[in-house]
């Protein structure tokens, strides 16, 4: 194992974010906190650090138990962290709440068609949907 791994690489390797670029944006945007503090993507993560991670799938509070700078299969990625019980319960409540609202997360409907685009452009006082 390595002595330390960049935070953005670890988040990507642990499969919290699909790409390193998305992980970097999340860290810069304050969606990831290392031991309760905002940090930079280049900060090194060590075993025993606590991370609070916000993704579209919910908020995670995890303890780093393994280090890897390489993206491995999901079965190996879950071995890099241990999620707290409180975090699991909060995510379960969040999922139940989303289920009750009836709007699946991240789905706003099908892609607009050519016909829809023509209707948008035909709206008086707008051009291509802009004012």
Protein backbone atom coordinates (compact mmCIF):
# COMPACT_ATOMS: atom_id res chain seq x y z
CA UNK A 1 0.00 0.00 0.00
CA UNK A 2 1.02 3.60 -0.54
CA UNK A 3 1.91 6.11 2.17
CA UNK A 4 -0.71 8.62 1.01
CA UNK A 5 -3.02 9.19 -1.94
CA UNK A 6 -4.44 12.40 -3.37
CA UNK A 7 -8.01 12.99 -2.23
CA UNK A 8 -9.41 13.26 -5.77
CA UNK A 9 -7.72 10.00 -6.81
CA UNK A 10 -9.00 8.20 -3.72
CA UNK A 11 -12.60 9.39 -4.30
CA UNK A 12 -12.38 8.19 -7.90
CA UNK A 13 -10.78 4.86 -6.92
CA UNK A 14 -13.41 4.29 -4.20
CA UNK A 15 -16.08 4.91 -6.88
CA UNK A 16 -17.82 7.85 -5.25
CA UNK A 17 -17.40 9.81 -8.51
CA UNK A 18 -17.22 8.58 -12.10
CA UNK A 19 -14.19 10.62 -13.15
CA UNK A 20 -11.33 12.40 -11.44
CA UNK A 21 -12.48 15.67 -12.97
CA UNK A 22 -15.89 15.30 -11.28
CA UNK A 23 -14.12 14.42 -8.02
CA UNK A 24 -11.94 17.55 -8.30
CA UNK A 25 -15.01 19.73 -8.91
CA UNK A 26 -16.78 18.17 -5.91
CA UNK A 27 -13.83 18.83 -3.60
CA UNK A 28 -13.43 22.41 -4.87
CA UNK A 29 -17.18 22.96 -4.51
CA UNK A 30 -17.16 21.94 -0.85
CA UNK A 31 -19.07 18.67 -1.32
CA UNK A 32 -16.23 16.72 0.30
CA UNK A 33 -14.89 17.47 3.77
CA UNK A 34 -11.80 15.87 5.27
CA UNK A 35 -12.01 15.63 9.07
CA UNK A 36 -14.72 18.32 9.04
CA UNK A 37 -12.66 20.84 7.02
CA UNK A 38 -12.84 21.98 3.41
CA UNK A 39 -9.74 20.91 1.58
CA UNK A 40 -8.01 20.84 -1.79
CA UNK A 41 -8.08 17.94 -4.27
CA UNK A 42 -4.31 17.46 -3.88
CA UNK A 43 -4.51 16.88 -0.11
CA UNK A 44 -3.21 13.44 0.83
CA UNK A 45 -5.62 11.02 2.47
CA UNK A 46 -4.35 8.66 5.18
CA UNK A 47 -5.87 5.63 6.83
CA UNK A 48 -8.14 6.70 9.69
CA UNK A 49 -9.27 10.00 8.10
CA UNK A 50 -12.99 10.80 8.18
CA UNK A 51 -14.64 12.02 4.98
CA UNK A 52 -18.07 13.56 4.51
CA UNK A 53 -19.07 13.15 0.89
CA UNK A 54 -22.17 14.53 -0.83
CA UNK A 55 -23.16 12.94 -4.12
CA UNK A 56 -26.38 12.68 -6.09
CA UNK A 57 -26.97 9.37 -4.29
CA UNK A 58 -26.92 10.94 -0.84
CA UNK A 59 -24.50 11.99 1.88
CA UNK A 60 -21.86 9.57 3.08
CA UNK A 61 -19.75 9.72 6.23
CA UNK A 62 -16.91 7.26 5.85
CA UNK A 63 -13.63 6.36 7.49
CA UNK A 64 -10.70 5.60 5.21
CA UNK A 65 -9.51 2.03 5.85
CA UNK A 66 -7.52 1.44 2.67
CA UNK A 67 -5.57 3.44 0.11
CA UNK A 68 -5.53 3.06 -3.64
CA UNK A 69 -4.75 5.41 -6.50
CA UNK A 70 -6.07 2.94 -9.07
CA UNK A 71 -9.70 2.30 -9.93
CA UNK A 72 -10.51 -1.34 -9.26
CA UNK A 73 -13.77 -3.32 -9.44
CA UNK A 74 -16.60 -2.20 -7.17
CA UNK A 75 -16.15 -5.24 -4.92
CA UNK A 76 -12.60 -4.07 -4.15
CA UNK A 77 -13.53 -0.38 -3.96
CA UNK A 78 -15.86 -0.89 -0.98
CA UNK A 79 -12.89 -2.28 0.96
CA UNK A 80 -11.28 1.18 0.92
CA UNK A 81 -13.77 2.71 3.37
CA UNK A 82 -16.12 1.92 6.23
CA UNK A 83 -19.41 3.82 6.28
CA UNK A 84 -20.77 4.86 9.67
CA UNK A 85 -24.10 3.49 10.88
CA UNK A 86 -25.56 7.00 11.19
CA UNK A 87 -24.66 7.66 7.55
CA UNK A 88 -26.44 4.48 6.42
CA UNK A 89 -29.58 5.42 8.35
CA UNK A 90 -29.57 8.97 6.95
CA UNK A 91 -29.25 7.67 3.37
CA UNK A 92 -32.09 5.18 3.99
CA UNK A 93 -34.32 8.03 5.23
CA UNK A 94 -33.34 10.15 2.21
CA UNK A 95 -34.17 7.28 -0.19
CA UNK A 96 -37.54 6.71 1.51
CA UNK A 97 -38.34 10.41 1.25
CA UNK A 98 -37.42 10.46 -2.45
CA UNK A 99 -39.63 7.43 -3.02
CA UNK A 100 -42.60 9.17 -1.38
CA UNK A 101 -42.27 12.29 -3.51
CA UNK A 102 -42.61 10.19 -6.66
CA UNK A 103 -39.85 12.02 -8.54
CA UNK A 104 -36.88 9.77 -9.22
CA UNK A 105 -33.59 11.52 -8.59
CA UNK A 106 -31.93 12.77 -11.75
CA UNK A 107 -34.84 12.14 -14.11
CA UNK A 108 -36.65 15.08 -15.63
CA UNK A 109 -38.19 13.30 -18.60
CA UNK A 110 -37.17 12.29 -22.08
CA UNK A 111 -34.89 14.36 -24.26
CA UNK A 112 -36.70 17.09 -26.23
CA UNK A 113 -37.54 16.21 -29.81
CA UNK A 114 -37.10 18.26 -32.95
CA UNK A 115 -40.78 19.16 -32.72
CA UNK A 116 -40.30 20.40 -29.15
CA UNK A 117 -37.37 22.56 -30.26
CA UNK A 118 -39.50 24.17 -32.96
CA UNK A 119 -42.18 24.96 -30.39
CA UNK A 120 -39.59 26.53 -28.08
CA UNK A 121 -38.26 28.69 -30.91
CA UNK A 122 -41.78 29.71 -31.96
CA UNK A 123 -42.48 31.22 -28.56
CA UNK A 124 -43.04 34.97 -29.07
CA UNK A 125 -40.30 37.25 -27.79
CA UNK A 126 -37.72 34.49 -27.49
CA UNK A 127 -35.02 33.15 -29.66
CA UNK A 128 -33.96 29.55 -29.15
CA UNK A 129 -35.52 29.51 -25.73
CA UNK A 130 -33.69 32.69 -24.60
CA UNK A 131 -35.14 36.10 -23.83
